[in-house]
Amino acid sequence: MDKILFGTGGVRGVMGDGDGFINRHVIQYVTHGLAKYIIASDAPKSVGVAYDTRFNSTDFAQVVCEVLSAFDIKVCIYDKPMPTPALSHAIRIMGLGWGVCITASHNPQEYNGYKVYDRHGVQVTDRIVAEITESINAVDMGDIIPAIKNGHINKFDNKIIETYFEQIISFVQPENDLSEYSFVYSALYGAGANAVPVVLERLGFSPICIQQNPDGAFGGLKTPNPEEPVVYGKALAEAEKANTKLILATDPDCDRVGVMVKTDEGYVLLNGNQIGALLIDYLAQTRGVSKGNNATSCGVVISTIVSGQLGELVANSYGLNFVRLLTGFKYIGEYIVNLPKDKQFFFGYEESYGFLAGDGALDKDAVIASALIVKMAVFYDRKGKTLLDRWHELCEKHGYCMESLHSLKVSQEEQKDIMSKLRSGLSIKGVTWTEDYLHGIKGLPSADVFMLYFTGDSKTLYNNAWVAIRPSGTEPKLKIYTSAHADTYDASKEAIKVLNNRIIEEIL
């Protein structure tokens, strides 16, 4: 098997023996190349290190520290699993040059990985990824690492963690009587257990916390991904027993959060597009944003080319600027860093359950997102509404925006064949125009994404419908995103159904 590759901000793969798997030797090898790149860079020669609760994460994090210290690079590491955004925050607060987080995010338990951050607390983007890759490839797998220098390895001070919590609490703001709102929070056995309950309790909530103990097997969950309804089994049982109104769940490195809302028909899982649109609307309402005022004209909401349409419509209705970037929150963080002085970051989100507000971190942050979601739920609960009720209100105003995501398990060769077929001019009924991001368009970097736009050709297809197709950057999957905009809920659902059937039939 070929040796594991550095890309999409780091490395990720199945743990095992050999150069094509994640293990101590591969972590050592990658860190050796990273260390040489850091030494040659103009950023401070200091690195923050964090890790999640996966099997071997603590050990791999220690390997990273040892290798970096051997190259006279100063290292700070958390003394327990902490959310990835807490690392982003620490890099910024301490003025560190770099960051490394040992995690495979929401992948199955057999995976682990390695994310790299720059001096801004942003996951490294294309140019730096290419340069780090070159540095790693120049290292021989058998090269000897110099002797460890333990004096270069230190623990993060508790004050750093406190500043992270305090920034979130200051932004979200405590209130009286919040303890009366009942909800369940699941850490899915991940790093969120060391942060989310702390913040929620300090804000005045009394969450029912479950699945808090660190467990690399994630309690037997196949994939600890809050996008998947199956992970909510224990949380649902607890919520039904306690008759709670809301369920939250964060992934192992606590950068994504999912939400279930209690309705008359039972608990309903919201998708990332719904949550993003709701948070834009809630923040605009509660922060005094209105179309035409000066603050609004400089406020920027940042999302991705595969995120749904409602968030953009809501943002525009308040006069907020809306920007779409390539998939990957690293691009959102990079965009925030480079915002001109006359623009102000308002909110960022991805459809894959990643959200960011405030100025504590520059990566998706499920800690602040969890706090904001519960505050938002209370805000509407006091008006006799649920989050789903408010989503329907927004759709009645802006049109029903429906989305879906299909992940087709196909090999890399099959992925290439499908993308080649699309680019060869494959005729698909109803397509008005296409966009190919492979060579970079709209000022964005090159990306293997192909988009098709549809106009209404029947009662089930409407203007503003699109399909985006891209190979997964980390798994043998082809991702197909569909989005439709219609006047009614039923019409938008039917449009999505037709789009999905048409695309899957015609490209496979």
Protein backbone atom coordinates (compact mmCIF):
# COMPACT_ATOMS: atom_id res chain seq x y z
CA MET A 1 0.00 0.00 0.00
CA ASP A 2 1.27 3.52 -0.83
CA LYS A 3 2.36 5.73 2.03
CA ILE A 4 -0.32 7.98 3.49
CA LEU A 5 -0.61 11.41 1.88
CA PHE A 6 -0.74 14.88 3.43
CA GLY A 7 -3.63 16.95 2.07
CA THR A 8 -6.91 18.77 2.86
CA GLY A 9 -5.22 20.41 5.85
CA GLY A 10 -3.47 17.29 7.18
CA VAL A 11 -3.68 13.51 7.08
CA ARG A 12 -6.50 11.11 7.87
CA GLY A 13 -6.80 7.37 7.55
CA VAL A 14 -7.35 3.98 9.12
CA MET A 15 -5.01 3.06 11.97
CA GLY A 16 -2.77 0.05 11.44
CA ASP A 17 0.73 -1.12 10.62
CA GLY A 18 2.56 0.09 7.53
CA ASP A 19 3.19 3.35 5.71
CA GLY A 20 -0.33 3.48 4.28
CA PHE A 21 -1.96 3.61 7.72
CA ILE A 22 -2.00 5.97 10.69
CA ASN A 23 0.48 4.83 13.35
CA ARG A 24 3.29 6.20 15.53
CA HIS A 25 5.86 5.90 12.76
CA VAL A 26 3.72 7.75 10.20
CA ILE A 27 2.87 10.47 12.75
CA GLN A 28 6.59 10.81 13.44
CA TYR A 29 7.40 10.98 9.74
CA VAL A 30 4.75 13.62 8.97
CA THR A 31 5.80 15.71 11.99
CA HIS A 32 9.45 15.48 10.92
CA GLY A 33 8.56 17.07 7.59
CA LEU A 34 6.30 19.64 9.27
CA ALA A 35 9.11 20.56 11.70
CA LYS A 36 11.51 21.25 8.84
CA TYR A 37 8.87 23.41 7.17
CA ILE A 38 8.25 25.35 10.40
CA ILE A 39 11.97 26.01 10.84
CA ALA A 40 12.20 27.42 7.31
CA SER A 41 9.03 29.55 7.69
CA ASP A 42 8.82 33.12 8.97
CA ALA A 43 6.17 32.25 11.59
CA PRO A 44 7.08 31.84 15.28
CA LYS A 45 8.76 28.51 16.04
CA SER A 46 6.04 27.43 18.45
CA VAL A 47 3.17 24.95 18.12
CA GLY A 48 -0.02 24.29 20.05
CA VAL A 49 -1.16 20.65 20.21
CA ALA A 50 -4.62 19.25 20.94
CA TYR A 51 -6.22 15.83 20.61
CA ASP A 52 -9.60 14.11 20.86
CA THR A 53 -10.74 10.88 22.54
CA ARG A 54 -9.97 8.45 19.73
CA PHE A 55 -7.82 5.38 20.21
CA ASN A 56 -4.14 6.42 20.27
CA SER A 57 -4.88 10.17 20.10
CA THR A 58 -3.07 10.90 23.38
CA ASP A 59 -0.07 8.82 22.28
CA PHE A 60 0.07 10.37 18.81
CA ALA A 61 -0.11 13.87 20.33
CA GLN A 62 2.87 13.02 22.52
CA VAL A 63 4.79 11.83 19.45
CA VAL A 64 4.09 15.17 17.76
CA CYS A 65 5.40 17.04 20.82
CA GLU A 66 8.54 14.92 21.01
CA VAL A 67 9.47 15.32 17.36
CA LEU A 68 8.86 19.06 17.33
CA SER A 69 10.87 19.55 20.53
CA ALA A 70 13.76 17.62 18.99
CA PHE A 71 13.97 20.37 16.35
CA ASP A 72 14.06 23.13 19.02
CA ILE A 73 10.42 24.05 18.41
CA LYS A 74 8.50 25.06 21.54
CA VAL A 75 5.30 23.13 22.14
CA CYS A 76 2.20 23.63 24.31
CA ILE A 77 -0.24 20.73 24.71
CA TYR A 78 -3.58 20.36 26.48
CA ASP A 79 -3.59 17.96 29.43
CA LYS A 80 -6.90 16.41 28.35
CA PRO A 81 -8.97 16.07 25.16
CA MET A 82 -10.19 19.51 24.09
CA PRO A 83 -12.30 20.77 21.18
CA THR A 84 -10.44 21.61 18.00
CA PRO A 85 -11.70 25.25 18.12
CA ALA A 86 -10.07 25.62 21.56
CA LEU A 87 -6.74 25.01 19.80
CA SER A 88 -7.53 27.67 17.20
CA HIS A 89 -8.31 30.08 20.03
CA ALA A 90 -5.11 29.24 21.94
CA ILE A 91 -2.92 29.80 18.86
CA ARG A 92 -4.38 33.27 18.44
CA ILE A 93 -4.28 34.26 22.12
CA MET A 94 -0.71 33.04 22.71
CA GLY A 95 0.72 34.21 19.38
CA LEU A 96 1.85 30.71 18.44
CA GLY A 97 3.10 30.04 14.93
CA TRP A 98 1.28 26.78 14.30
CA GLY A 99 -1.10 24.17 15.65
CA VAL A 100 -1.60 20.41 15.34
CA CYS A 101 -4.77 18.58 16.34
CA ILE A 102 -4.86 14.79 16.48
CA THR A 103 -8.34 13.82 15.33
CA ALA A 104 -10.29 12.19 12.53
CA SER A 105 -13.31 14.38 13.23
CA HIS A 106 -16.52 12.35 12.74
CA ASN A 107 -14.98 9.35 10.95
CA PRO A 108 -15.48 5.77 12.25
CA GLN A 109 -13.51 4.55 15.26
CA GLU A 110 -10.78 2.84 13.20
CA TYR A 111 -9.66 6.22 11.83
CA ASN A 112 -7.35 8.86 13.20
CA GLY A 113 -5.68 11.88 11.71
CA TYR A 114 -3.79 15.12 11.93
CA LYS A 115 -4.92 18.70 11.26
CA VAL A 116 -2.44 21.55 10.88
CA TYR A 117 -3.19 25.21 11.71
CA ASP A 118 -1.36 28.42 10.83
CA ARG A 119 -0.49 31.37 13.06
CA HIS A 120 -4.03 32.77 12.69
CA GLY A 121 -5.63 29.62 14.06
CA VAL A 122 -6.90 28.72 10.58
CA GLN A 123 -6.50 25.23 9.17
CA VAL A 124 -3.83 25.50 6.47
CA THR A 125 -5.05 26.11 2.93
CA ASP A 126 -3.83 25.07 -0.50
CA ARG A 127 -0.49 26.89 -0.89
CA ILE A 128 0.80 25.97 2.56
CA VAL A 129 -0.53 22.42 2.21
CA ALA A 130 1.49 22.03 -0.99
CA GLU A 131 4.63 23.40 0.67
CA ILE A 132 4.27 21.19 3.76
CA THR A 133 3.67 18.19 1.50
CA GLU A 134 6.91 18.94 -0.34
CA SER A 135 8.77 19.18 2.96
CA ILE A 136 7.31 15.87 4.17
CA ASN A 137 8.10 14.11 0.89
CA ALA A 138 11.74 15.21 1.25
CA VAL A 139 12.00 13.19 4.48
CA ASP A 140 13.05 9.58 4.24
CA MET A 141 10.85 7.25 6.29
CA GLY A 142 14.00 5.92 7.94
CA ASP A 143 15.50 9.31 8.86
CA ILE A 144 16.58 9.51 12.50
CA ILE A 145 14.85 12.06 14.72
CA PRO A 146 17.20 14.08 16.98
CA ALA A 147 17.02 13.59 20.74
CA ILE A 148 13.84 14.82 22.47
CA LYS A 149 14.19 18.10 24.39
CA ASN A 150 11.58 17.88 27.12
CA GLY A 151 12.25 21.48 28.20
CA HIS A 152 10.50 22.59 25.02
CA ILE A 153 7.25 20.78 25.91
CA ASN A 154 4.77 22.54 28.22
CA LYS A 155 1.12 22.22 29.17
CA PHE A 156 -1.36 24.93 28.22
CA ASP A 157 -2.08 27.12 31.23
CA ASN A 158 -5.64 26.82 32.57
CA LYS A 159 -5.98 30.56 31.92
CA ILE A 160 -5.91 29.84 28.18
CA ILE A 161 -8.86 27.48 28.51
CA GLU A 162 -10.64 30.05 30.67
CA THR A 163 -10.22 32.80 28.07
CA TYR A 164 -11.82 30.47 25.51
CA PHE A 165 -14.81 29.87 27.77
CA GLU A 166 -15.07 33.53 28.76
CA GLN A 167 -15.08 34.72 25.14
CA ILE A 168 -17.98 32.41 24.33
CA ILE A 169 -19.94 33.36 27.45
CA SER A 170 -19.39 37.06 26.76
CA PHE A 171 -20.65 36.71 23.21
CA VAL A 172 -23.67 34.52 24.00
CA GLN A 173 -24.53 36.33 27.28
CA PRO A 174 -26.05 34.68 30.39
CA GLU A 175 -29.71 35.23 31.29
CA ASN A 176 -32.00 34.55 34.23
CA ASP A 177 -34.34 31.55 34.25
CA LEU A 178 -32.44 29.60 31.63
CA SER A 179 -32.20 26.58 33.94
CA GLU A 180 -35.92 25.94 33.42
CA TYR A 181 -35.40 25.04 29.75
CA SER A 182 -34.90 21.28 29.55
CA PHE A 183 -32.63 19.66 26.96
CA VAL A 184 -30.18 16.80 26.46
CA TYR A 185 -26.55 17.23 25.45
CA SER A 186 -24.47 14.31 24.16
CA ALA A 187 -20.72 14.59 23.67
CA LEU A 188 -20.80 11.27 21.75
CA TYR A 189 -17.89 10.25 24.03
CA GLY A 190 -15.71 13.01 22.58
CA ALA A 191 -13.81 16.14 23.57
CA GLY A 192 -16.97 18.23 23.86
CA ALA A 193 -17.50 16.78 27.34
CA ASN A 194 -14.66 18.99 28.61
CA ALA A 195 -16.12 22.22 27.24
CA VAL A 196 -19.79 22.29 26.24
CA PRO A 197 -21.31 21.49 29.68
CA VAL A 198 -18.98 24.05 31.32
CA VAL A 199 -20.13 26.83 29.01
CA LEU A 200 -23.81 25.88 29.13
CA GLU A 201 -23.85 25.75 32.93
CA ARG A 202 -22.04 29.08 33.28
CA LEU A 203 -24.63 30.61 30.96
CA GLY A 204 -27.32 29.45 33.40
CA PHE A 205 -28.55 26.23 31.74
CA SER A 206 -28.96 22.85 33.43
CA PRO A 207 -28.33 20.37 30.60
CA ILE A 208 -28.92 16.65 30.93
CA CYS A 209 -25.48 15.42 29.85
CA ILE A 210 -24.96 11.91 28.48
CA GLN A 211 -22.20 9.98 26.70
CA GLN A 212 -19.58 12.16 28.38
CA ASN A 213 -16.91 9.58 29.23
CA PRO A 214 -14.02 9.42 26.72
CA ASP A 215 -14.30 6.28 24.60
CA GLY A 216 -12.38 5.56 21.41
CA ALA A 217 -15.08 3.07 20.41
CA PHE A 218 -17.74 5.78 20.81
CA GLY A 219 -20.03 3.46 22.70
CA GLY A 220 -20.21 1.15 19.70
CA LEU A 221 -21.45 3.82 17.27
CA LYS A 222 -20.41 2.98 13.73
CA THR A 223 -19.80 6.63 12.88
CA PRO A 224 -19.91 9.33 15.60
CA ASN A 225 -21.36 11.89 13.21
CA PRO A 226 -24.18 14.17 14.44
CA GLU A 227 -25.48 14.38 10.87
CA GLU A 228 -26.57 10.74 11.17
CA PRO A 229 -29.90 10.08 12.96
CA VAL A 230 -28.62 6.75 14.30
CA VAL A 231 -26.23 8.45 16.76
CA TYR A 232 -29.14 9.96 18.71
CA GLY A 233 -30.49 6.65 20.05
CA LYS A 234 -29.48 7.09 23.69
CA ALA A 235 -30.12 10.83 23.60
CA LEU A 236 -33.65 10.21 22.30
CA ALA A 237 -34.36 7.71 25.06
CA GLU A 238 -33.16 10.21 27.67
CA ALA A 239 -35.07 13.09 26.08
CA GLU A 240 -38.31 11.13 25.95
CA LYS A 241 -37.90 10.03 29.56
CA ALA A 242 -37.28 13.61 30.73
CA ASN A 243 -39.71 15.16 28.21
CA THR A 244 -37.11 17.63 26.99
CA LYS A 245 -37.62 20.05 24.11
CA LEU A 246 -34.23 19.78 22.44
CA ILE A 247 -31.29 17.44 21.87
CA LEU A 248 -27.73 18.50 21.00
CA ALA A 249 -24.86 16.23 19.96
CA THR A 250 -21.27 17.13 19.08
CA ASP A 251 -18.73 15.05 17.17
CA PRO A 252 -15.50 13.69 18.75
CA ASP A 253 -13.39 16.82 18.25
CA CYS A 254 -16.38 19.09 18.94
CA ASP A 255 -16.30 21.24 15.85
CA ARG A 256 -19.73 20.09 14.57
CA VAL A 257 -23.07 20.07 16.36
CA GLY A 258 -26.40 18.51 15.45
CA VAL A 259 -29.86 19.38 16.79
CA MET A 260 -33.12 17.50 17.26
CA VAL A 261 -36.31 19.45 18.03
CA LYS A 262 -39.37 18.04 19.80
CA THR A 263 -42.59 18.37 17.78
CA ASP A 264 -46.09 16.89 18.05
CA GLU A 265 -44.90 14.07 15.76
CA GLY A 266 -41.75 13.35 17.78
CA TYR A 267 -38.17 14.59 17.59
CA VAL A 268 -37.02 15.97 14.24
CA LEU A 269 -33.36 16.26 13.18
CA LEU A 270 -32.55 19.64 11.64
CA ASN A 271 -29.97 19.78 8.88
CA GLY A 272 -27.01 22.15 8.74
CA ASN A 273 -28.67 24.48 6.23
CA GLN A 274 -31.71 24.88 8.49
CA ILE A 275 -29.55 25.58 11.55
CA GLY A 276 -27.40 28.06 9.63
CA ALA A 277 -30.39 30.04 8.34
CA LEU A 278 -31.99 30.03 11.81
CA LEU A 279 -28.82 31.31 13.47
CA ILE A 280 -28.37 34.10 10.92
CA ASP A 281 -31.96 35.17 11.55
CA TYR A 282 -31.68 34.88 15.36
CA LEU A 283 -28.40 36.79 15.56
CA ALA A 284 -29.73 39.51 13.25
CA GLN A 285 -32.86 39.90 15.40
CA THR A 286 -31.08 39.94 18.75
CA ARG A 287 -28.07 42.06 17.71
CA GLY A 288 -30.05 44.97 16.30
CA VAL A 289 -29.43 44.22 12.62
CA SER A 290 -31.85 45.77 10.16
CA LYS A 291 -31.62 46.51 6.47
CA GLY A 292 -30.22 49.93 5.79
CA ASN A 293 -28.23 50.57 8.95
CA ASN A 294 -24.47 51.10 8.78
CA ALA A 295 -23.61 48.06 10.89
CA THR A 296 -25.48 45.80 8.50
CA SER A 297 -23.78 47.14 5.40
CA CYS A 298 -20.41 45.94 6.68
CA GLY A 299 -21.58 42.65 8.21
CA VAL A 300 -20.47 39.52 6.30
CA VAL A 301 -21.97 36.03 6.38
CA ILE A 302 -19.67 33.39 4.88
CA SER A 303 -20.74 29.97 3.63
CA THR A 304 -19.92 27.51 0.86
CA ILE A 305 -20.92 26.77 -2.73
CA VAL A 306 -22.77 23.62 -1.61
CA SER A 307 -24.73 25.20 1.24
CA GLY A 308 -28.47 25.74 0.74
CA GLN A 309 -30.26 28.86 -0.42
CA LEU A 310 -32.29 29.92 2.63
CA GLY A 311 -29.31 31.27 4.59
CA GLU A 312 -28.42 33.59 1.75
CA LEU A 313 -32.02 34.80 1.39
CA VAL A 314 -32.27 35.48 5.13
CA ALA A 315 -28.93 37.30 5.21
CA ASN A 316 -29.90 39.45 2.23
CA SER A 317 -33.22 40.33 3.86
CA TYR A 318 -31.27 41.95 6.71
CA GLY A 319 -28.86 43.69 4.36
CA LEU A 320 -25.94 41.43 5.31
CA ASN A 321 -23.28 40.60 2.74
CA PHE A 322 -23.27 36.91 1.79
CA VAL A 323 -20.16 35.17 0.44
CA ARG A 324 -19.80 31.61 -0.90
CA LEU A 325 -16.46 29.80 -0.84
CA LEU A 326 -15.25 26.28 -1.58
CA THR A 327 -16.15 23.51 0.86
CA GLY A 328 -13.87 23.36 3.88
CA PHE A 329 -14.08 25.70 6.86
CA LYS A 330 -10.42 26.57 6.36
CA TYR A 331 -11.50 28.84 3.51
CA ILE A 332 -13.98 30.61 5.77
CA GLY A 333 -11.29 31.18 8.39
CA GLU A 334 -8.86 32.44 5.77
CA TYR A 335 -11.51 34.81 4.40
CA ILE A 336 -12.15 36.24 7.88
CA VAL A 337 -8.42 36.91 8.37
CA ASN A 338 -8.30 38.83 5.09
CA LEU A 339 -11.51 40.85 5.47
CA PRO A 340 -10.93 44.53 4.66
CA LYS A 341 -11.19 46.97 7.55
CA ASP A 342 -14.57 48.26 6.37
CA LYS A 343 -16.08 44.76 6.65
CA GLN A 344 -16.97 42.85 9.81
CA PHE A 345 -17.43 39.10 10.24
CA PHE A 346 -20.98 38.29 11.31
CA PHE A 347 -21.43 34.53 10.95
CA GLY A 348 -19.98 31.54 9.11
CA TYR A 349 -21.40 28.10 8.40
CA GLU A 350 -21.26 24.94 6.32
CA GLU A 351 -24.13 22.62 5.53
CA SER A 352 -22.16 19.82 7.24
CA TYR A 353 -23.01 21.13 10.75
CA GLY A 354 -20.10 23.57 11.10
CA PHE A 355 -20.89 27.02 12.56
CA LEU A 356 -18.89 30.00 13.82
CA ALA A 357 -19.69 33.28 15.53
CA GLY A 358 -17.69 35.67 17.71
CA ASP A 359 -13.94 36.19 17.56
CA GLY A 360 -12.58 33.41 19.78
CA ALA A 361 -11.67 30.82 17.14
CA LEU A 362 -11.22 30.79 13.39
CA ASP A 363 -12.50 27.30 12.77
CA LYS A 364 -15.97 25.82 13.08
CA ASP A 365 -16.86 25.77 16.76
CA ALA A 366 -19.50 23.46 18.23
CA VAL A 367 -19.04 24.96 21.71
CA ILE A 368 -20.23 28.46 20.85
CA ALA A 369 -22.71 27.01 18.34
CA SER A 370 -24.26 24.76 21.01
CA ALA A 371 -24.66 27.72 23.35
CA LEU A 372 -26.23 29.90 20.65
CA ILE A 373 -28.60 27.14 19.52
CA VAL A 374 -29.97 26.61 23.02
CA LYS A 375 -30.30 30.37 23.60
CA MET A 376 -32.14 30.60 20.28
CA ALA A 377 -34.44 27.72 21.26
CA VAL A 378 -35.31 29.52 24.51
CA PHE A 379 -35.92 32.76 22.60
CA TYR A 380 -38.60 31.06 20.49
CA ASP A 381 -39.90 28.87 23.30
CA ARG A 382 -40.87 32.04 25.15
CA LYS A 383 -42.91 32.98 22.09
CA GLY A 384 -44.59 29.57 22.04
CA LYS A 385 -42.58 28.34 19.06
CA THR A 386 -40.00 25.68 18.28
CA LEU A 387 -36.97 26.08 16.00
CA LEU A 388 -38.85 24.12 13.37
CA ASP A 389 -41.79 26.54 13.64
CA ARG A 390 -39.43 29.44 12.99
CA TRP A 391 -37.87 27.63 10.02
CA HIS A 392 -41.33 27.27 8.46
CA GLU A 393 -41.96 31.01 9.05
CA LEU A 394 -38.73 31.86 7.24
CA CYS A 395 -39.70 29.56 4.35
CA GLU A 396 -43.17 31.10 4.11
CA LYS A 397 -41.44 34.45 3.71
CA HIS A 398 -38.56 33.46 1.42
CA GLY A 399 -39.78 30.26 -0.22
CA TYR A 400 -39.14 26.68 0.79
CA CYS A 401 -35.51 25.76 0.31
CA MET A 402 -34.95 22.02 0.45
CA GLU A 403 -31.62 20.22 0.23
CA SER A 404 -30.27 16.69 0.27
CA LEU A 405 -26.87 15.01 0.31
CA HIS A 406 -26.13 11.57 -1.09
CA SER A 407 -22.76 9.93 -0.48
CA LEU A 408 -22.23 7.20 -3.07
CA LYS A 409 -19.58 4.64 -2.15
CA VAL A 410 -17.39 4.48 -5.24
CA SER A 411 -13.67 3.94 -5.78
CA GLN A 412 -11.33 6.77 -6.74
CA GLU A 413 -11.20 5.42 -10.30
CA GLU A 414 -15.02 5.44 -10.52
CA GLN A 415 -15.05 8.98 -9.13
CA LYS A 416 -12.66 10.10 -11.87
CA ASP A 417 -14.78 8.43 -14.56
CA ILE A 418 -17.97 10.12 -13.35
CA MET A 419 -16.36 13.56 -13.12
CA SER A 420 -14.84 13.08 -16.59
CA LYS A 421 -18.25 12.10 -17.98
CA LEU A 422 -19.81 15.29 -16.56
CA ARG A 423 -17.05 17.45 -18.02
CA SER A 424 -17.36 15.83 -21.44
CA GLY A 425 -20.74 17.53 -21.92
CA LEU A 426 -23.12 14.84 -20.69
CA SER A 427 -26.66 15.94 -21.56
CA ILE A 428 -29.01 16.01 -18.57
CA LYS A 429 -32.61 17.12 -19.02
CA GLY A 430 -33.47 20.55 -17.64
CA VAL A 431 -29.89 21.79 -17.16
CA THR A 432 -29.60 25.46 -18.14
CA TRP A 433 -25.93 25.96 -17.40
CA THR A 434 -23.02 24.36 -15.57
CA GLU A 435 -20.02 25.52 -13.55
CA ASP A 436 -16.75 23.63 -13.33
CA TYR A 437 -14.54 24.66 -10.42
CA LEU A 438 -11.61 22.50 -11.52
CA HIS A 439 -9.82 25.42 -13.14
CA GLY A 440 -10.96 28.00 -10.59
CA ILE A 441 -13.91 30.33 -11.15
CA LYS A 442 -15.42 33.29 -9.29
CA GLY A 443 -11.99 34.05 -7.85
CA LEU A 444 -11.90 30.72 -5.99
CA PRO A 445 -9.05 28.18 -6.01
CA SER A 446 -9.25 25.09 -8.18
CA ALA A 447 -11.51 22.36 -6.80
CA ASP A 448 -12.92 19.11 -8.17
CA VAL A 449 -16.54 20.29 -8.05
CA PHE A 450 -19.06 20.32 -10.90
CA MET A 451 -22.38 22.17 -10.58
CA LEU A 452 -25.52 21.93 -12.71
CA TYR A 453 -28.30 24.54 -12.64
CA PHE A 454 -31.90 23.78 -13.60
CA THR A 455 -34.90 25.80 -14.75
CA GLY A 456 -38.51 24.74 -14.35
CA ASP A 457 -39.55 22.26 -17.01
CA SER A 458 -42.48 20.65 -15.19
CA LYS A 459 -44.54 20.93 -12.04
CA THR A 460 -41.71 19.32 -10.09
CA LEU A 461 -38.66 21.32 -11.21
CA TYR A 462 -38.23 25.00 -10.44
CA ASN A 463 -35.89 27.89 -10.99
CA ASN A 464 -33.02 28.12 -8.52
CA ALA A 465 -32.55 24.35 -8.38
CA TRP A 466 -28.99 23.08 -8.56
CA VAL A 467 -26.86 19.99 -8.11
CA ALA A 468 -23.23 19.94 -6.97
CA ILE A 469 -21.08 16.85 -7.42
CA ARG A 470 -17.66 16.33 -5.86
CA PRO A 471 -15.41 13.48 -4.76
CA SER A 472 -14.85 13.33 -1.00
CA GLY A 473 -11.45 14.62 0.06
CA THR A 474 -11.04 11.97 2.76
CA GLU A 475 -13.18 8.92 1.87
CA PRO A 476 -13.95 6.69 -1.18
CA LYS A 477 -17.24 8.49 -1.73
CA LEU A 478 -18.82 10.71 -4.35
CA LYS A 479 -20.91 13.44 -2.77
CA ILE A 480 -24.03 14.70 -4.56
CA TYR A 481 -25.69 17.83 -3.16
CA THR A 482 -29.12 18.91 -4.41
CA SER A 483 -31.01 22.11 -3.67
CA ALA A 484 -34.45 23.32 -4.76
CA HIS A 485 -36.46 26.46 -4.06
CA ALA A 486 -40.27 26.43 -4.35
CA ASP A 487 -43.36 28.14 -2.96
CA THR A 488 -44.53 25.22 -0.84
CA TYR A 489 -42.98 22.52 1.31
CA ASP A 490 -44.47 19.69 -0.78
CA ALA A 491 -43.33 21.24 -4.06
CA SER A 492 -39.76 21.65 -2.86
CA LYS A 493 -39.65 18.05 -1.58
CA GLU A 494 -40.93 16.77 -4.90
CA ALA A 495 -38.36 18.85 -6.78
CA ILE A 496 -35.55 17.36 -4.69
CA LYS A 497 -36.86 13.85 -5.32
CA VAL A 498 -36.94 14.40 -9.09
CA LEU A 499 -33.48 15.97 -9.11
CA ASN A 500 -31.97 13.10 -7.13
CA ASN A 501 -33.49 10.42 -9.33
CA ARG A 502 -32.51 12.21 -12.51
CA ILE A 503 -28.90 12.81 -11.49
CA ILE A 504 -28.23 9.36 -10.07
CA GLU A 505 -29.80 7.66 -13.11
CA GLU A 506 -27.97 9.75 -15.66
CA ILE A 507 -24.43 9.91 -14.26
CA LEU A 508 -24.03 6.36 -12.96
